[in-house]
Amino acid sequence: MNKKIYFLSLVFSPAILFAASGESADYDIIERTINFVIFFALVYYFAADAIKNIFKARRDEIANSLAKIQEKLQDSKKAKEKALNSLEDAKKTARDIVETAHKESVIITQKVEETTKIEIENLVRQYNDHIAFEQRKAEKLIIDEILSEFLNKDSVALSKDVLAQSLLKKAA
């Protein structure tokens, strides 16, 4: 408070000195300058704290805004890192899935080949068995036909050896 009183006394001292001089000049620039200085001093005296508070509040508001922006920037950096980590995990999972699918396709192909091979072997075996069966069936029919032909003829009397050789020739 003492500083303010001292300051005001210094500001008003030129006005008191000019008022005491009694001379009037044609120039009012000095009075206007003194009035301006007095006006500025009064404004400073009464409004300095308010102006300082306004600028301090604005400075604090800017600092808080900057802090919020920095916080958001940090959050976005963390979110970006998290997204990149998730992307890497997804890429790794995709590679694992592709590898697993490739391995499964190889295994399935091998199983299909083995199954097909076994089925082909079974078909060949069945075909061979069927051919053998049909040959035996044909041989039986031929033997039955020859036997019935020879047995139905009463005039021909053959021995068993001759009959067996005839059958073998006919069958061959």
Protein backbone atom coordinates (compact mmCIF):
# COMPACT_ATOMS: atom_id res chain seq x y z
CA MET A 1 0.00 0.00 0.00
CA ASN A 2 2.90 2.38 0.75
CA LYS A 3 4.21 1.89 -2.76
CA LYS A 4 0.91 2.97 -4.21
CA ILE A 5 0.80 6.15 -2.12
CA TYR A 6 4.36 6.96 -3.04
CA PHE A 7 3.60 6.34 -6.71
CA LEU A 8 0.49 8.55 -6.64
CA SER A 9 2.37 11.37 -4.98
CA LEU A 10 5.02 11.19 -7.69
CA VAL A 11 2.38 11.20 -10.39
CA PHE A 12 0.49 14.20 -8.97
CA SER A 13 3.55 16.26 -8.04
CA PRO A 14 4.00 17.68 -11.57
CA ALA A 15 0.35 18.71 -11.64
CA ILE A 16 0.77 20.53 -8.34
CA LEU A 17 3.92 22.28 -9.58
CA PHE A 18 2.23 23.45 -12.79
CA ALA A 19 -0.84 24.58 -10.93
CA ALA A 20 1.32 26.66 -8.59
CA SER A 21 3.21 28.39 -11.38
CA GLY A 22 0.45 30.84 -12.35
CA GLU A 23 1.70 31.30 -15.89
CA SER A 24 -0.55 30.18 -18.65
CA ALA A 25 0.91 29.05 -21.87
CA ASP A 26 -0.66 28.85 -25.19
CA TYR A 27 0.42 25.28 -25.52
CA ASP A 28 -1.78 22.71 -23.82
CA ILE A 29 0.37 19.73 -24.85
CA ILE A 30 2.02 19.64 -21.50
CA GLU A 31 -1.29 19.65 -19.64
CA ARG A 32 -2.65 16.95 -21.89
CA THR A 33 0.44 14.84 -21.37
CA ILE A 34 0.17 15.30 -17.63
CA ASN A 35 -3.53 14.45 -17.76
CA PHE A 36 -2.75 11.31 -19.77
CA VAL A 37 -0.06 10.25 -17.30
CA ILE A 38 -2.45 10.87 -14.41
CA PHE A 39 -5.22 8.94 -16.20
CA PHE A 40 -2.83 6.07 -16.94
CA ALA A 41 -1.63 6.07 -13.33
CA LEU A 42 -5.21 5.94 -12.03
CA VAL A 43 -6.14 3.16 -14.41
CA TYR A 44 -3.01 1.29 -13.40
CA TYR A 45 -3.72 1.90 -9.71
CA PHE A 46 -7.29 0.69 -9.85
CA ALA A 47 -7.18 -1.86 -12.66
CA ALA A 48 -3.68 -3.34 -12.45
CA ASP A 49 -4.71 -6.25 -10.23
CA ALA A 50 -7.78 -6.98 -12.35
CA ILE A 51 -5.76 -6.87 -15.59
CA LYS A 52 -3.06 -9.05 -14.05
CA ASN A 53 -5.74 -11.51 -12.90
CA ILE A 54 -7.29 -11.55 -16.39
CA PHE A 55 -3.94 -12.27 -18.02
CA LYS A 56 -3.07 -14.83 -15.35
CA ALA A 57 -6.44 -16.55 -15.86
CA ARG A 58 -5.89 -16.55 -19.61
CA ARG A 59 -2.37 -17.93 -19.15
CA ASP A 60 -3.72 -20.65 -16.82
CA GLU A 61 -6.50 -21.44 -19.30
CA ILE A 62 -3.97 -21.80 -22.13
CA ALA A 63 -1.73 -23.96 -19.92
CA ASN A 64 -4.69 -26.19 -18.98
CA SER A 65 -5.72 -26.42 -22.62
CA LEU A 66 -2.16 -27.36 -23.59
CA ALA A 67 -2.07 -29.96 -20.79
CA LYS A 68 -5.35 -31.45 -22.05
CA ILE A 69 -4.00 -31.53 -25.59
CA GLN A 70 -0.83 -33.25 -24.36
CA GLU A 71 -2.92 -35.76 -22.45
CA LYS A 72 -5.04 -36.46 -25.53
CA LEU A 73 -1.86 -36.81 -27.58
CA GLN A 74 -0.50 -39.34 -25.10
CA ASP A 75 -3.82 -41.21 -25.13
CA SER A 76 -3.83 -41.28 -28.92
CA LYS A 77 -0.21 -42.54 -28.95
CA LYS A 78 -1.19 -45.31 -26.53
CA ALA A 79 -4.23 -46.15 -28.65
CA LYS A 80 -2.03 -46.22 -31.75
CA GLU A 81 0.46 -48.55 -30.05
CA LYS A 82 -2.40 -50.76 -28.90
CA ALA A 83 -3.84 -50.82 -32.43
CA LEU A 84 -0.42 -51.67 -33.89
CA ASN A 85 0.00 -54.47 -31.35
CA SER A 86 -3.46 -55.76 -32.20
CA LEU A 87 -2.58 -55.60 -35.89
CA GLU A 88 0.61 -57.59 -35.32
CA ASP A 89 -1.33 -60.14 -33.28
CA ALA A 90 -3.93 -60.39 -36.05
CA LYS A 91 -1.19 -60.86 -38.66
CA LYS A 92 0.40 -63.58 -36.54
CA THR A 93 -2.96 -65.27 -36.06
CA ALA A 94 -3.61 -65.07 -39.81
CA ARG A 95 -0.21 -66.63 -40.55
CA ASP A 96 -0.94 -69.40 -38.04
CA ILE A 97 -4.34 -70.03 -39.62
CA VAL A 98 -2.80 -70.20 -43.09
CA GLU A 99 -0.09 -72.57 -41.90
CA THR A 100 -2.66 -74.75 -40.13
CA ALA A 101 -4.90 -74.78 -43.21
CA HIS A 102 -1.95 -75.76 -45.39
CA LYS A 103 -0.97 -78.57 -43.02
CA GLU A 104 -4.59 -79.75 -42.84
CA SER A 105 -4.87 -79.72 -46.63
CA VAL A 106 -1.71 -81.83 -46.90
CA ILE A 107 -3.06 -84.27 -44.31
CA ILE A 108 -6.47 -84.44 -46.02
CA THR A 109 -4.78 -84.99 -49.40
CA GLN A 110 -2.71 -87.82 -47.96
CA LYS A 111 -5.78 -89.40 -46.39
CA VAL A 112 -7.73 -89.12 -49.64
CA GLU A 113 -4.81 -90.66 -51.57
CA GLU A 114 -4.54 -93.52 -49.06
CA THR A 115 -8.30 -94.10 -49.11
CA THR A 116 -8.37 -93.99 -52.91
CA LYS A 117 -5.43 -96.40 -53.10
CA ILE A 118 -7.15 -98.82 -50.73
CA GLU A 119 -10.43 -98.55 -52.69
CA ILE A 120 -8.62 -99.17 -55.97
CA GLU A 121 -6.88 -102.21 -54.48
CA ASN A 122 -10.23 -103.48 -53.22
CA LEU A 123 -11.83 -102.94 -56.64
CA VAL A 124 -8.96 -104.74 -58.37
CA ARG A 125 -9.22 -107.61 -55.88
CA GLN A 126 -13.01 -107.75 -56.37
CA TYR A 127 -12.54 -107.68 -60.13
CA ASN A 128 -10.00 -110.48 -60.00
CA ASP A 129 -12.24 -112.49 -57.67
CA HIS A 130 -15.18 -111.91 -59.98
CA ILE A 131 -13.14 -113.00 -63.02
CA ALA A 132 -12.00 -116.13 -61.15
CA PHE A 133 -15.58 -116.82 -60.12
CA GLU A 134 -16.83 -116.37 -63.68
CA GLN A 135 -14.05 -118.66 -64.97
CA ARG A 136 -14.98 -121.36 -62.46
CA LYS A 137 -18.64 -120.90 -63.37
CA ALA A 138 -17.82 -121.20 -67.08
CA GLU A 139 -15.68 -124.28 -66.42
CA LYS A 140 -18.53 -125.88 -64.46
CA LEU A 141 -20.95 -125.15 -67.26
CA ILE A 142 -18.60 -126.58 -69.85
CA ILE A 143 -17.93 -129.64 -67.72
CA ASP A 144 -21.64 -130.12 -67.11
CA GLU A 145 -22.33 -129.77 -70.82
CA ILE A 146 -19.62 -132.23 -71.80
CA LEU A 147 -20.64 -134.71 -69.14
CA SER A 148 -24.27 -134.54 -70.09
CA GLU A 149 -23.31 -135.00 -73.75
CA PHE A 150 -21.20 -138.03 -73.03
CA LEU A 151 -23.50 -139.47 -70.49
CA ASN A 152 -26.54 -139.08 -72.71
CA LYS A 153 -24.92 -141.10 -75.49
CA ASP A 154 -25.34 -144.77 -74.74
CA SER A 155 -23.42 -145.99 -77.67
CA VAL A 156 -20.11 -144.53 -76.64
CA ALA A 157 -18.39 -146.19 -73.80
CA LEU A 158 -15.26 -144.43 -72.63
CA SER A 159 -13.00 -144.95 -69.77
CA LYS A 160 -12.48 -142.44 -67.00
CA ASP A 161 -9.03 -141.53 -68.26
CA VAL A 162 -10.31 -140.65 -71.69
CA LEU A 163 -13.14 -138.64 -70.19
CA ALA A 164 -10.78 -136.69 -67.93
CA GLN A 165 -8.44 -135.89 -70.84
CA SER A 166 -11.35 -134.76 -72.99
CA LEU A 167 -12.56 -132.51 -70.26
CA LEU A 168 -9.17 -130.98 -69.80
CA LYS A 169 -8.83 -130.35 -73.54
CA LYS A 170 -12.29 -128.79 -73.73
CA ALA A 171 -11.69 -126.63 -70.67
CA ALA A 172 -8.34 -125.41 -71.91
